[in-house]
Every structure is written in C-alpha cells, then in structure tokens.
Amino acid sequence: MTATTITVEATLQPDGVTLHLKNRVAMPPGLVTVTVQPVGPVSGPAMLEVLDRIHHDQQQRGRKPMTEEEMATEIAQMQAEDDEYERRWREIWSQTGMKAERTDNP
C-alpha cells in the first residue's frame, strides 16, 4: 500500500492544538502525521513596540523609572557584590595551595 501525501493550508487556533483546514481532505479517517510550518512572515508586534507598551503600562500603574543616581547606586552595589564573590573564591582557591588563574586580564 502506497502512502498518500496531501498538502493543505490550515489555521492553527489559539489553543495551539486545533487546526482549521482550509479544504476538505480526501483521506479515510485514521491516524495521520501532520507537519506544521508558518506560511509567510510571523505576524505580531516588533520588539520595540512591545517594550513601548510595557513602559506605557508601567506608567499607567504609577511606576516611576529609576533616576540616574538610583541606577548608578544599583550598578555599584552589584559590582561590590561581584567583587566580594570574587574575593571569597580567591581566598578559597589560595587555601588549595595552587596558583589562581587571572581571568579579568587576558
């Protein structure tokens, strides 16, 4: 028995499971294999549009963006945490009796 292959356009429903076929398929009922690929470019908002919408929504909820000083403080705090983490690992490494490799200056 020869396998018959039919290509038909369909729309994938929002549930991600259901397909709505554009045309009737002339095959007997039973198990089939389905290959799904998008037709044409994927539609949807661009990344910048999504970021703008997020920013707008946050403003509507009353969120205030960080000031430059707050950002500088947060960055300095993260750097201090990274430095402390690195210092602790160098201390641990020094106790192994092996020379630590420098990774910050190639």
PDB file of N, CA and C in Angstrom:
ATOM      1  N   MET A   1       0.841  -1.162   0.000  1.00  0.00           N
ATOM      2  CA  MET A   1       0.000   0.000   0.000  1.00  0.00           C
ATOM      3  C   MET A   1       0.891   1.231   0.000  1.00  0.00           C
ATOM      4  N   THR A   2       0.598   2.199  -0.861  1.00  0.00           N
ATOM      5  CA  THR A   2       1.385   3.408  -1.005  1.00  0.00           C
ATOM      6  C   THR A   2       0.822   4.507  -0.122  1.00  0.00           C
ATOM      7  N   ALA A   3       1.728   5.220   0.564  1.00  0.00           N
ATOM      8  CA  ALA A   3       1.291   6.329   1.409  1.00  0.00           C
ATOM      9  C   ALA A   3       0.979   7.527   0.531  1.00  0.00           C
ATOM     10  N   THR A   4      -0.156   8.167   0.780  1.00  0.00           N
ATOM     11  CA  THR A   4      -0.557   9.359   0.040  1.00  0.00           C
ATOM     12  C   THR A   4      -0.227  10.578   0.879  1.00  0.00           C
ATOM     13  N   THR A   5       0.398  11.580   0.249  1.00  0.00           N
ATOM     14  CA  THR A   5       0.713  12.817   0.941  1.00  0.00           C
ATOM     15  C   THR A   5      -0.125  13.929   0.354  1.00  0.00           C
ATOM     16  N   ILE A   6      -0.795  14.675   1.208  1.00  0.00           N
ATOM     17  CA  ILE A   6      -1.617  15.798   0.779  1.00  0.00           C
ATOM     18  C   ILE A   6      -1.157  17.028   1.550  1.00  0.00           C
ATOM     19  N   THR A   7      -0.996  18.135   0.835  1.00  0.00           N
ATOM     20  CA  THR A   7      -0.652  19.398   1.479  1.00  0.00           C
ATOM     21  C   THR A   7      -1.875  20.290   1.419  1.00  0.00           C
ATOM     22  N   VAL A   8      -2.281  20.806   2.563  1.00  0.00           N
ATOM     23  CA  VAL A   8      -3.452  21.672   2.628  1.00  0.00           C
ATOM     24  C   VAL A   8      -3.155  22.791   3.628  1.00  0.00           C
ATOM     25  N   GLU A   9      -3.616  24.003   3.315  1.00  0.00           N
ATOM     26  CA  GLU A   9      -3.431  25.117   4.237  1.00  0.00           C
ATOM     27  C   GLU A   9      -4.405  24.966   5.401  1.00  0.00           C
ATOM     28  N   ALA A  10      -3.950  25.415   6.567  1.00  0.00           N
ATOM     29  CA  ALA A  10      -4.778  25.357   7.767  1.00  0.00           C
ATOM     30  C   ALA A  10      -4.432  26.543   8.646  1.00  0.00           C
ATOM     31  N   THR A  11      -5.303  26.833   9.581  1.00  0.00           N
ATOM     32  CA  THR A  11      -5.066  27.886  10.560  1.00  0.00           C
ATOM     33  C   THR A  11      -4.958  27.236  11.927  1.00  0.00           C
ATOM     34  N   LEU A  12      -3.853  27.492  12.595  1.00  0.00           N
ATOM     35  CA  LEU A  12      -3.665  26.977  13.938  1.00  0.00           C
ATOM     36  C   LEU A  12      -4.444  27.870  14.890  1.00  0.00           C
ATOM     37  N   GLN A  13      -5.308  27.269  15.674  1.00  0.00           N
ATOM     38  CA  GLN A  13      -6.149  28.015  16.604  1.00  0.00           C
ATOM     39  C   GLN A  13      -5.341  28.423  17.838  1.00  0.00           C
ATOM     40  N   PRO A  14      -5.805  29.442  18.577  1.00  0.00           N
ATOM     41  CA  PRO A  14      -5.067  29.939  19.739  1.00  0.00           C
ATOM     42  C   PRO A  14      -4.763  28.891  20.809  1.00  0.00           C
ATOM     43  N   ASP A  15      -5.525  27.817  20.850  1.00  0.00           N
ATOM     44  CA  ASP A  15      -5.254  26.791  21.866  1.00  0.00           C
ATOM     45  C   ASP A  15      -3.977  26.013  21.570  1.00  0.00           C
ATOM     46  N   GLY A  16      -3.415  26.195  20.364  1.00  0.00           N
ATOM     47  CA  GLY A  16      -2.178  25.528  19.990  1.00  0.00           C
ATOM     48  C   GLY A  16      -2.339  24.059  19.670  1.00  0.00           C
ATOM     49  N   VAL A  17      -3.566  23.570  19.649  1.00  0.00           N
ATOM     50  CA  VAL A  17      -3.830  22.150  19.410  1.00  0.00           C
ATOM     51  C   VAL A  17      -4.700  21.952  18.178  1.00  0.00           C
ATOM     52  N   THR A  18      -5.673  22.828  18.003  1.00  0.00           N
ATOM     53  CA  THR A  18      -6.675  22.664  16.956  1.00  0.00           C
ATOM     54  C   THR A  18      -6.225  23.317  15.657  1.00  0.00           C
ATOM     55  N   LEU A  19      -6.407  22.584  14.553  1.00  0.00           N
ATOM     56  CA  LEU A  19      -6.156  23.109  13.216  1.00  0.00           C
ATOM     57  C   LEU A  19      -7.480  23.230  12.489  1.00  0.00           C
ATOM     58  N   HIS A  20      -7.691  24.351  11.815  1.00  0.00           N
ATOM     59  CA  HIS A  20      -8.876  24.519  10.969  1.00  0.00           C
ATOM     60  C   HIS A  20      -8.392  24.421   9.527  1.00  0.00           C
ATOM     61  N   LEU A  21      -8.754  23.311   8.858  1.00  0.00           N
ATOM     62  CA  LEU A  21      -8.296  23.081   7.496  1.00  0.00           C
ATOM     63  C   LEU A  21      -9.056  23.956   6.514  1.00  0.00           C
ATOM     64  N   LYS A  22      -8.331  24.500   5.537  1.00  0.00           N
ATOM     65  CA  LYS A  22      -8.952  25.352   4.529  1.00  0.00           C
ATOM     66  C   LYS A  22      -9.830  24.527   3.583  1.00  0.00           C
ATOM     67  N   ASN A  23      -9.377  23.328   3.263  1.00  0.00           N
ATOM     68  CA  ASN A  23     -10.119  22.443   2.353  1.00  0.00           C
ATOM     69  C   ASN A  23     -10.304  21.075   2.996  1.00  0.00           C
ATOM     70  N   ARG A  24     -11.316  20.361   2.511  1.00  0.00           N
ATOM     71  CA  ARG A  24     -11.586  19.004   2.968  1.00  0.00           C
ATOM     72  C   ARG A  24     -10.463  18.089   2.500  1.00  0.00           C
ATOM     73  N   VAL A  25     -10.082  17.137   3.338  1.00  0.00           N
ATOM     74  CA  VAL A  25      -9.021  16.193   2.998  1.00  0.00           C
ATOM     75  C   VAL A  25      -9.661  14.885   2.545  1.00  0.00           C
ATOM     76  N   ALA A  26      -9.264  14.421   1.360  1.00  0.00           N
ATOM     77  CA  ALA A  26      -9.821  13.184   0.797  1.00  0.00           C
ATOM     78  C   ALA A  26      -9.011  11.985   1.257  1.00  0.00           C
ATOM     79  N   MET A  27      -9.132  11.668   2.534  1.00  0.00           N
ATOM     80  CA  MET A  27      -8.455  10.505   3.110  1.00  0.00           C
ATOM     81  C   MET A  27      -9.435   9.817   4.040  1.00  0.00           C
ATOM     82  N   PRO A  28      -9.239   8.539   4.221  1.00  0.00           N
ATOM     83  CA  PRO A  28     -10.107   7.845   5.176  1.00  0.00           C
ATOM     84  C   PRO A  28      -9.733   8.256   6.598  1.00  0.00           C
ATOM     85  N   PRO A  29     -10.671   8.180   7.530  1.00  0.00           N
ATOM     86  CA  PRO A  29     -10.368   8.515   8.910  1.00  0.00           C
ATOM     87  C   PRO A  29      -9.289   7.597   9.462  1.00  0.00           C
ATOM     88  N   GLY A  30      -8.509   8.111  10.372  1.00  0.00           N
ATOM     89  CA  GLY A  30      -7.454   7.311  10.996  1.00  0.00           C
ATOM     90  C   GLY A  30      -6.280   8.194  11.385  1.00  0.00           C
ATOM     91  N   LEU A  31      -5.283   7.560  11.898  1.00  0.00           N
ATOM     92  CA  LEU A  31      -4.091   8.240  12.357  1.00  0.00           C
ATOM     93  C   LEU A  31      -3.320   8.819  11.173  1.00  0.00           C
ATOM     94  N   VAL A  32      -2.910  10.080  11.283  1.00  0.00           N
ATOM     95  CA  VAL A  32      -2.121  10.739  10.244  1.00  0.00           C
ATOM     96  C   VAL A  32      -0.936  11.456  10.907  1.00  0.00           C
ATOM     97  N   THR A  33       0.017  11.841  10.086  1.00  0.00           N
ATOM     98  CA  THR A  33       1.142  12.644  10.550  1.00  0.00           C
ATOM     99  C   THR A  33       0.956  14.043  10.006  1.00  0.00           C
ATOM    100  N   VAL A  34       1.128  15.042  10.865  1.00  0.00           N
ATOM    101  CA  VAL A  34       0.935  16.427  10.464  1.00  0.00           C
ATOM    102  C   VAL A  34       2.251  17.174  10.652  1.00  0.00           C
ATOM    103  N   THR A  35       2.669  17.912   9.618  1.00  0.00           N
ATOM    104  CA  THR A  35       3.832  18.787   9.703  1.00  0.00           C
ATOM    105  C   THR A  35       3.324  20.211   9.631  1.00  0.00           C
ATOM    106  N   VAL A  36       3.706  21.040  10.586  1.00  0.00           N
ATOM    107  CA  VAL A  36       3.212  22.411  10.638  1.00  0.00           C
ATOM    108  C   VAL A  36       4.374  23.366  10.444  1.00  0.00           C
ATOM    109  N   GLN A  37       4.198  24.318   9.545  1.00  0.00           N
ATOM    110  CA  GLN A  37       5.181  25.384   9.360  1.00  0.00           C
ATOM    111  C   GLN A  37       4.432  26.657   9.017  1.00  0.00           C
ATOM    112  N   PRO A  38       4.922  27.812   9.470  1.00  0.00           N
ATOM    113  CA  PRO A  38       4.211  29.056   9.189  1.00  0.00           C
ATOM    114  C   PRO A  38       4.266  29.398   7.700  1.00  0.00           C
ATOM    115  N   VAL A  39       3.206  30.023   7.235  1.00  0.00           N
ATOM    116  CA  VAL A  39       3.147  30.486   5.846  1.00  0.00           C
ATOM    117  C   VAL A  39       3.432  31.977   5.875  1.00  0.00           C
ATOM    118  N   GLY A  40       4.529  32.400   5.288  1.00  0.00           N
ATOM    119  CA  GLY A  40       4.877  33.814   5.274  1.00  0.00           C
ATOM    120  C   GLY A  40       5.479  34.235   6.598  1.00  0.00           C
ATOM    121  N   PRO A  41       5.757  35.514   6.721  1.00  0.00           N
ATOM    122  CA  PRO A  41       6.377  36.001   7.952  1.00  0.00           C
ATOM    123  C   PRO A  41       5.434  35.880   9.141  1.00  0.00           C
ATOM    124  N   VAL A  42       6.022  35.642  10.298  1.00  0.00           N
ATOM    125  CA  VAL A  42       5.235  35.551  11.523  1.00  0.00           C
ATOM    126  C   VAL A  42       4.780  36.960  11.885  1.00  0.00           C
ATOM    127  N   SER A  43       3.493  37.117  12.090  1.00  0.00           N
ATOM    128  CA  SER A  43       2.981  38.439  12.400  1.00  0.00           C
ATOM    129  C   SER A  43       3.000  38.660  13.898  1.00  0.00           C
ATOM    130  N   GLY A  44       2.997  39.898  14.267  1.00  0.00           N
ATOM    131  CA  GLY A  44       2.998  40.251  15.676  1.00  0.00           C
ATOM    132  C   GLY A  44       3.766  41.541  15.863  1.00  0.00           C
ATOM    133  N   PRO A  45       3.695  42.086  17.040  1.00  0.00           N
ATOM    134  CA  PRO A  45       4.371  43.354  17.280  1.00  0.00           C
ATOM    135  C   PRO A  45       5.889  43.183  17.297  1.00  0.00           C
ATOM    136  N   ALA A  46       6.577  44.233  16.872  1.00  0.00           N
ATOM    137  CA  ALA A  46       8.028  44.230  16.914  1.00  0.00           C
ATOM    138  C   ALA A  46       8.488  44.398  18.358  1.00  0.00           C
ATOM    139  N   MET A  47       9.742  44.075  18.621  1.00  0.00           N
ATOM    140  CA  MET A  47      10.253  44.158  19.979  1.00  0.00           C
ATOM    141  C   MET A  47      10.114  45.567  20.551  1.00  0.00           C
ATOM    142  N   LEU A  48      10.425  46.578  19.761  1.00  0.00           N
ATOM    143  CA  LEU A  48      10.329  47.950  20.249  1.00  0.00           C
ATOM    144  C   LEU A  48       8.892  48.301  20.622  1.00  0.00           C
ATOM    145  N   GLU A  49       7.927  47.813  19.849  1.00  0.00           N
ATOM    146  CA  GLU A  49       6.518  48.057  20.170  1.00  0.00           C
ATOM    147  C   GLU A  49       6.135  47.403  21.500  1.00  0.00           C
ATOM    148  N   VAL A  50       6.640  46.201  21.731  1.00  0.00           N
ATOM    149  CA  VAL A  50       6.353  45.511  22.985  1.00  0.00           C
ATOM    150  C   VAL A  50       6.964  46.272  24.159  1.00  0.00           C
ATOM    151  N   LEU A  51       8.214  46.709  24.006  1.00  0.00           N
ATOM    152  CA  LEU A  51       8.863  47.461  25.078  1.00  0.00           C
ATOM    153  C   LEU A  51       8.142  48.774  25.348  1.00  0.00           C
ATOM    154  N   ASP A  52       7.706  49.460  24.277  1.00  0.00           N
ATOM    155  CA  ASP A  52       6.943  50.699  24.461  1.00  0.00           C
ATOM    156  C   ASP A  52       5.639  50.442  25.208  1.00  0.00           C
ATOM    157  N   ARG A  53       4.965  49.340  24.876  1.00  0.00           N
ATOM    158  CA  ARG A  53       3.705  49.007  25.552  1.00  0.00           C
ATOM    159  C   ARG A  53       3.957  48.700  27.033  1.00  0.00           C
ATOM    160  N   ILE A  54       5.029  47.973  27.325  1.00  0.00           N
ATOM    161  CA  ILE A  54       5.367  47.674  28.718  1.00  0.00           C
ATOM    162  C   ILE A  54       5.631  48.967  29.474  1.00  0.00           C
ATOM    163  N   HIS A  55       6.421  49.853  28.866  1.00  0.00           N
ATOM    164  CA  HIS A  55       6.740  51.136  29.509  1.00  0.00           C
ATOM    165  C   HIS A  55       5.461  51.941  29.765  1.00  0.00           C
ATOM    166  N   HIS A  56       4.591  51.997  28.772  1.00  0.00           N
ATOM    167  CA  HIS A  56       3.326  52.727  28.910  1.00  0.00           C
ATOM    168  C   HIS A  56       2.472  52.122  30.015  1.00  0.00           C
ATOM    169  N   ASP A  57       2.361  50.794  30.036  1.00  0.00           N
ATOM    170  CA  ASP A  57       1.564  50.118  31.062  1.00  0.00           C
ATOM    171  C   ASP A  57       2.118  50.386  32.456  1.00  0.00           C
ATOM    172  N   GLN A  58       3.443  50.384  32.582  1.00  0.00           N
ATOM    173  CA  GLN A  58       4.052  50.662  33.879  1.00  0.00           C
ATOM    174  C   GLN A  58       3.750  52.090  34.326  1.00  0.00           C
ATOM    175  N   GLN A  59       3.806  53.024  33.389  1.00  0.00           N
ATOM    176  CA  GLN A  59       3.474  54.411  33.725  1.00  0.00           C
ATOM    177  C   GLN A  59       2.021  54.523  34.176  1.00  0.00           C
ATOM    178  N   GLN A  60       1.122  53.812  33.517  1.00  0.00           N
ATOM    179  CA  GLN A  60      -0.295  53.844  33.884  1.00  0.00           C
ATOM    180  C   GLN A  60      -0.522  53.305  35.293  1.00  0.00           C
ATOM    181  N   ARG A  61       0.324  52.357  35.714  1.00  0.00           N
ATOM    182  CA  ARG A  61       0.205  51.797  37.063  1.00  0.00           C
ATOM    183  C   ARG A  61       0.923  52.662  38.094  1.00  0.00           C
ATOM    184  N   GLY A  62       1.537  53.761  37.651  1.00  0.00           N
ATOM    185  CA  GLY A  62       2.180  54.683  38.564  1.00  0.00           C
ATOM    186  C   GLY A  62       3.635  54.387  38.856  1.00  0.00           C
ATOM    187  N   ARG A  63       4.236  53.493  38.100  1.00  0.00           N
ATOM    188  CA  ARG A  63       5.644  53.169  38.338  1.00  0.00           C
ATOM    189  C   ARG A  63       6.510  54.320  37.831  1.00  0.00           C
ATOM    190  N   LYS A  64       7.453  54.707  38.661  1.00  0.00           N
ATOM    191  CA  LYS A  64       8.396  55.758  38.288  1.00  0.00           C
ATOM    192  C   LYS A  64       9.707  55.104  37.877  1.00  0.00           C
ATOM    193  N   PRO A  65      10.270  55.499  36.741  1.00  0.00           N
ATOM    194  CA  PRO A  65      11.551  54.912  36.338  1.00  0.00           C
ATOM    195  C   PRO A  65      12.662  55.345  37.298  1.00  0.00           C
ATOM    196  N   MET A  66      13.721  54.535  37.378  1.00  0.00           N
ATOM    197  CA  MET A  66      14.847  54.870  38.248  1.00  0.00           C
ATOM    198  C   MET A  66      15.540  56.130  37.735  1.00  0.00           C
ATOM    199  N   THR A  67      16.026  56.923  38.680  1.00  0.00           N
ATOM    200  CA  THR A  67      16.832  58.087  38.300  1.00  0.00           C
ATOM    201  C   THR A  67      18.235  57.591  37.966  1.00  0.00           C
ATOM    202  N   GLU A  68      19.032  58.465  37.372  1.00  0.00           N
ATOM    203  CA  GLU A  68      20.405  58.084  37.046  1.00  0.00           C
ATOM    204  C   GLU A  68      21.186  57.745  38.311  1.00  0.00           C
ATOM    205  N   GLU A  69      20.915  58.488  39.380  1.00  0.00           N
ATOM    206  CA  GLU A  69      21.600  58.220  40.643  1.00  0.00           C
ATOM    207  C   GLU A  69      21.221  56.844  41.191  1.00  0.00           C
ATOM    208  N   GLU A  70      19.920  56.491  41.120  1.00  0.00           N
ATOM    209  CA  GLU A  70      19.475  55.180  41.593  1.00  0.00           C
ATOM    210  C   GLU A  70      20.108  54.063  40.763  1.00  0.00           C
ATOM    211  N   MET A  71      20.186  54.277  39.445  1.00  0.00           N
ATOM    212  CA  MET A  71      20.821  53.272  38.585  1.00  0.00           C
ATOM    213  C   MET A  71      22.293  53.123  38.934  1.00  0.00           C
ATOM    214  N   ALA A  72      22.996  54.264  39.131  1.00  0.00           N
ATOM    215  CA  ALA A  72      24.415  54.218  39.474  1.00  0.00           C
ATOM    216  C   ALA A  72      24.618  53.497  40.798  1.00  0.00           C
ATOM    217  N   THR A  73      23.741  53.753  41.774  1.00  0.00           N
ATOM    218  CA  THR A  73      23.826  53.088  43.076  1.00  0.00           C
ATOM    219  C   THR A  73      23.623  51.585  42.927  1.00  0.00           C
ATOM    220  N   GLU A  74      22.623  51.195  42.141  1.00  0.00           N
ATOM    221  CA  GLU A  74      22.356  49.769  41.948  1.00  0.00           C
ATOM    222  C   GLU A  74      23.511  49.082  41.234  1.00  0.00           C
ATOM    223  N   ILE A  75      24.067  49.732  40.219  1.00  0.00           N
ATOM    224  CA  ILE A  75      25.202  49.155  39.494  1.00  0.00           C
ATOM    225  C   ILE A  75      26.397  49.014  40.423  1.00  0.00           C
ATOM    226  N   ALA A  76      26.664  50.036  41.244  1.00  0.00           N
ATOM    227  CA  ALA A  76      27.773  49.973  42.197  1.00  0.00           C
ATOM    228  C   ALA A  76      27.566  48.843  43.196  1.00  0.00           C
ATOM    229  N   GLN A  77      26.322  48.647  43.646  1.00  0.00           N
ATOM    230  CA  GLN A  77      26.025  47.571  44.593  1.00  0.00           C
ATOM    231  C   GLN A  77      26.265  46.204  43.942  1.00  0.00           C
ATOM    232  N   MET A  78      25.824  46.043  42.704  1.00  0.00           N
ATOM    233  CA  MET A  78      26.044  44.767  42.009  1.00  0.00           C
ATOM    234  C   MET A  78      27.538  44.519  41.814  1.00  0.00           C
ATOM    235  N   GLN A  79      28.295  45.569  41.467  1.00  0.00           N
ATOM    236  CA  GLN A  79      29.740  45.430  41.282  1.00  0.00           C
ATOM    237  C   GLN A  79      30.411  45.038  42.599  1.00  0.00           C
ATOM    238  N   ALA A  80      29.968  45.672  43.706  1.00  0.00           N
ATOM    239  CA  ALA A  80      30.525  45.338  45.017  1.00  0.00           C
ATOM    240  C   ALA A  80      30.236  43.879  45.372  1.00  0.00           C
ATOM    241  N   GLU A  81      29.020  43.402  45.067  1.00  0.00           N
ATOM    242  CA  GLU A  81      28.678  42.004  45.325  1.00  0.00           C
ATOM    243  C   GLU A  81      29.544  41.076  44.493  1.00  0.00           C
ATOM    244  N   ASP A  82      29.753  41.432  43.216  1.00  0.00           N
ATOM    245  CA  ASP A  82      30.616  40.626  42.350  1.00  0.00           C
ATOM    246  C   ASP A  82      32.053  40.602  42.877  1.00  0.00           C
ATOM    247  N   ASP A  83      32.543  41.756  43.311  1.00  0.00           N
ATOM    248  CA  ASP A  83      33.904  41.841  43.842  1.00  0.00           C
ATOM    249  C   ASP A  83      34.051  40.990  45.102  1.00  0.00           C
ATOM    250  N   GLU A  84      33.048  41.033  45.991  1.00  0.00           N
ATOM    251  CA  GLU A  84      33.085  40.235  47.217  1.00  0.00           C
ATOM    252  C   GLU A  84      33.050  38.752  46.888  1.00  0.00           C
ATOM    253  N   TYR A  85      32.228  38.378  45.928  1.00  0.00           N
ATOM    254  CA  TYR A  85      32.142  36.982  45.486  1.00  0.00           C
ATOM    255  C   TYR A  85      33.508  36.522  44.963  1.00  0.00           C
ATOM    256  N   GLU A  86      34.114  37.345  44.123  1.00  0.00           N
ATOM    257  CA  GLU A  86      35.426  37.028  43.556  1.00  0.00           C
ATOM    258  C   GLU A  86      36.478  36.933  44.676  1.00  0.00           C
ATOM    259  N   ARG A  87      36.438  37.853  45.639  1.00  0.00           N
ATOM    260  CA  ARG A  87      37.392  37.848  46.742  1.00  0.00           C
ATOM    261  C   ARG A  87      37.285  36.554  47.549  1.00  0.00           C
ATOM    262  N   ARG A  88      36.027  36.136  47.821  1.00  0.00           N
ATOM    263  CA  ARG A  88      35.833  34.899  48.581  1.00  0.00           C
ATOM    264  C   ARG A  88      36.387  33.688  47.837  1.00  0.00           C
ATOM    265  N   TRP A  89      36.143  33.620  46.534  1.00  0.00           N
ATOM    266  CA  TRP A  89      36.649  32.479  45.769  1.00  0.00           C
ATOM    267  C   TRP A  89      38.164  32.488  45.681  1.00  0.00           C
ATOM    268  N   ARG A  90      38.769  33.684  45.581  1.00  0.00           N
ATOM    269  CA  ARG A  90      40.235  33.753  45.560  1.00  0.00           C
ATOM    270  C   ARG A  90      40.803  33.280  46.900  1.00  0.00           C
ATOM    271  N   GLU A  91      40.121  33.619  48.002  1.00  0.00           N
ATOM    272  CA  GLU A  91      40.558  33.165  49.319  1.00  0.00           C
ATOM    273  C   GLU A  91      40.470  31.643  49.416  1.00  0.00           C
ATOM    274  N   ILE A  92      39.362  31.090  48.954  1.00  0.00           N
ATOM    275  CA  ILE A  92      39.198  29.630  48.963  1.00  0.00           C
ATOM    276  C   ILE A  92      40.272  28.988  48.089  1.00  0.00           C
ATOM    277  N   TRP A  93      40.479  29.549  46.918  1.00  0.00           N
ATOM    278  CA  TRP A  93      41.455  28.986  45.981  1.00  0.00           C
ATOM    279  C   TRP A  93      42.862  29.035  46.575  1.00  0.00           C
ATOM    280  N   SER A  94      43.165  30.117  47.327  1.00  0.00           N
ATOM    281  CA  SER A  94      44.503  30.249  47.924  1.00  0.00           C
ATOM    282  C   SER A  94      44.766  29.154  48.947  1.00  0.00           C
ATOM    283  N   GLN A  95      43.726  28.626  49.553  1.00  0.00           N
ATOM    284  CA  GLN A  95      43.879  27.580  50.559  1.00  0.00           C
ATOM    285  C   GLN A  95      44.144  26.214  49.941  1.00  0.00           C
ATOM    286  N   THR A  96      43.989  26.100  48.612  1.00  0.00           N
ATOM    287  CA  THR A  96      44.259  24.820  47.947  1.00  0.00           C
ATOM    288  C   THR A  96      45.736  24.638  47.662  1.00  0.00           C
ATOM    289  N   GLY A  97      46.531  25.713  47.798  1.00  0.00           N
ATOM    290  CA  GLY A  97      47.962  25.618  47.520  1.00  0.00           C
ATOM    291  C   GLY A  97      48.293  25.734  46.046  1.00  0.00           C
ATOM    292  N   MET A  98      47.290  26.027  45.231  1.00  0.00           N
ATOM    293  CA  MET A  98      47.520  26.184  43.797  1.00  0.00           C
ATOM    294  C   MET A  98      47.446  27.664  43.454  1.00  0.00           C
ATOM    295  N   LYS A  99      48.161  28.050  42.426  1.00  0.00           N
ATOM    296  CA  LYS A  99      48.143  29.443  41.992  1.00  0.00           C
ATOM    297  C   LYS A  99      46.860  29.706  41.206  1.00  0.00           C
ATOM    298  N   ALA A 100      46.126  30.747  41.593  1.00  0.00           N
ATOM    299  CA  ALA A 100      44.869  31.088  40.916  1.00  0.00           C
ATOM    300  C   ALA A 100      45.167  31.699  39.553  1.00  0.00           C
ATOM    301  N   GLU A 101      44.352  31.343  38.587  1.00  0.00           N
ATOM    302  CA  GLU A 101      44.483  31.930  37.258  1.00  0.00           C
ATOM    303  C   GLU A 101      43.749  33.255  37.219  1.00  0.00           C
ATOM    304  N   ARG A 102      44.340  34.236  36.583  1.00  0.00           N
ATOM    305  CA  ARG A 102      43.675  35.531  36.449  1.00  0.00           C
ATOM    306  C   ARG A 102      42.777  35.474  35.222  1.00  0.00           C
ATOM    307  N   THR A 103      41.496  35.780  35.426  1.00  0.00           N
ATOM    308  CA  THR A 103      40.559  35.749  34.300  1.00  0.00           C
ATOM    309  C   THR A 103      40.120  37.142  33.913  1.00  0.00           C
ATOM    310  N   ASP A 104      40.453  38.159  34.768  1.00  0.00           N
ATOM    311  CA  ASP A 104      39.976  39.508  34.471  1.00  0.00           C
ATOM    312  C   ASP A 104      40.908  40.271  33.532  1.00  0.00           C
ATOM    313  N   ASN A 105      42.163  39.850  33.411  1.00  0.00           N
ATOM    314  CA  ASN A 105      43.122  40.478  32.491  1.00  0.00           C
ATOM    315  C   ASN A 105      43.684  39.441  31.548  1.00  0.00           C
ATOM    316  N   PRO A 106      43.153  39.320  30.348  1.00  0.00           N
ATOM    317  CA  PRO A 106      43.628  38.270  29.438  1.00  0.00           C
ATOM    318  C   PRO A 106      45.058  38.473  29.007  1.00  0.00           C
TER     319      PRO A 106
END
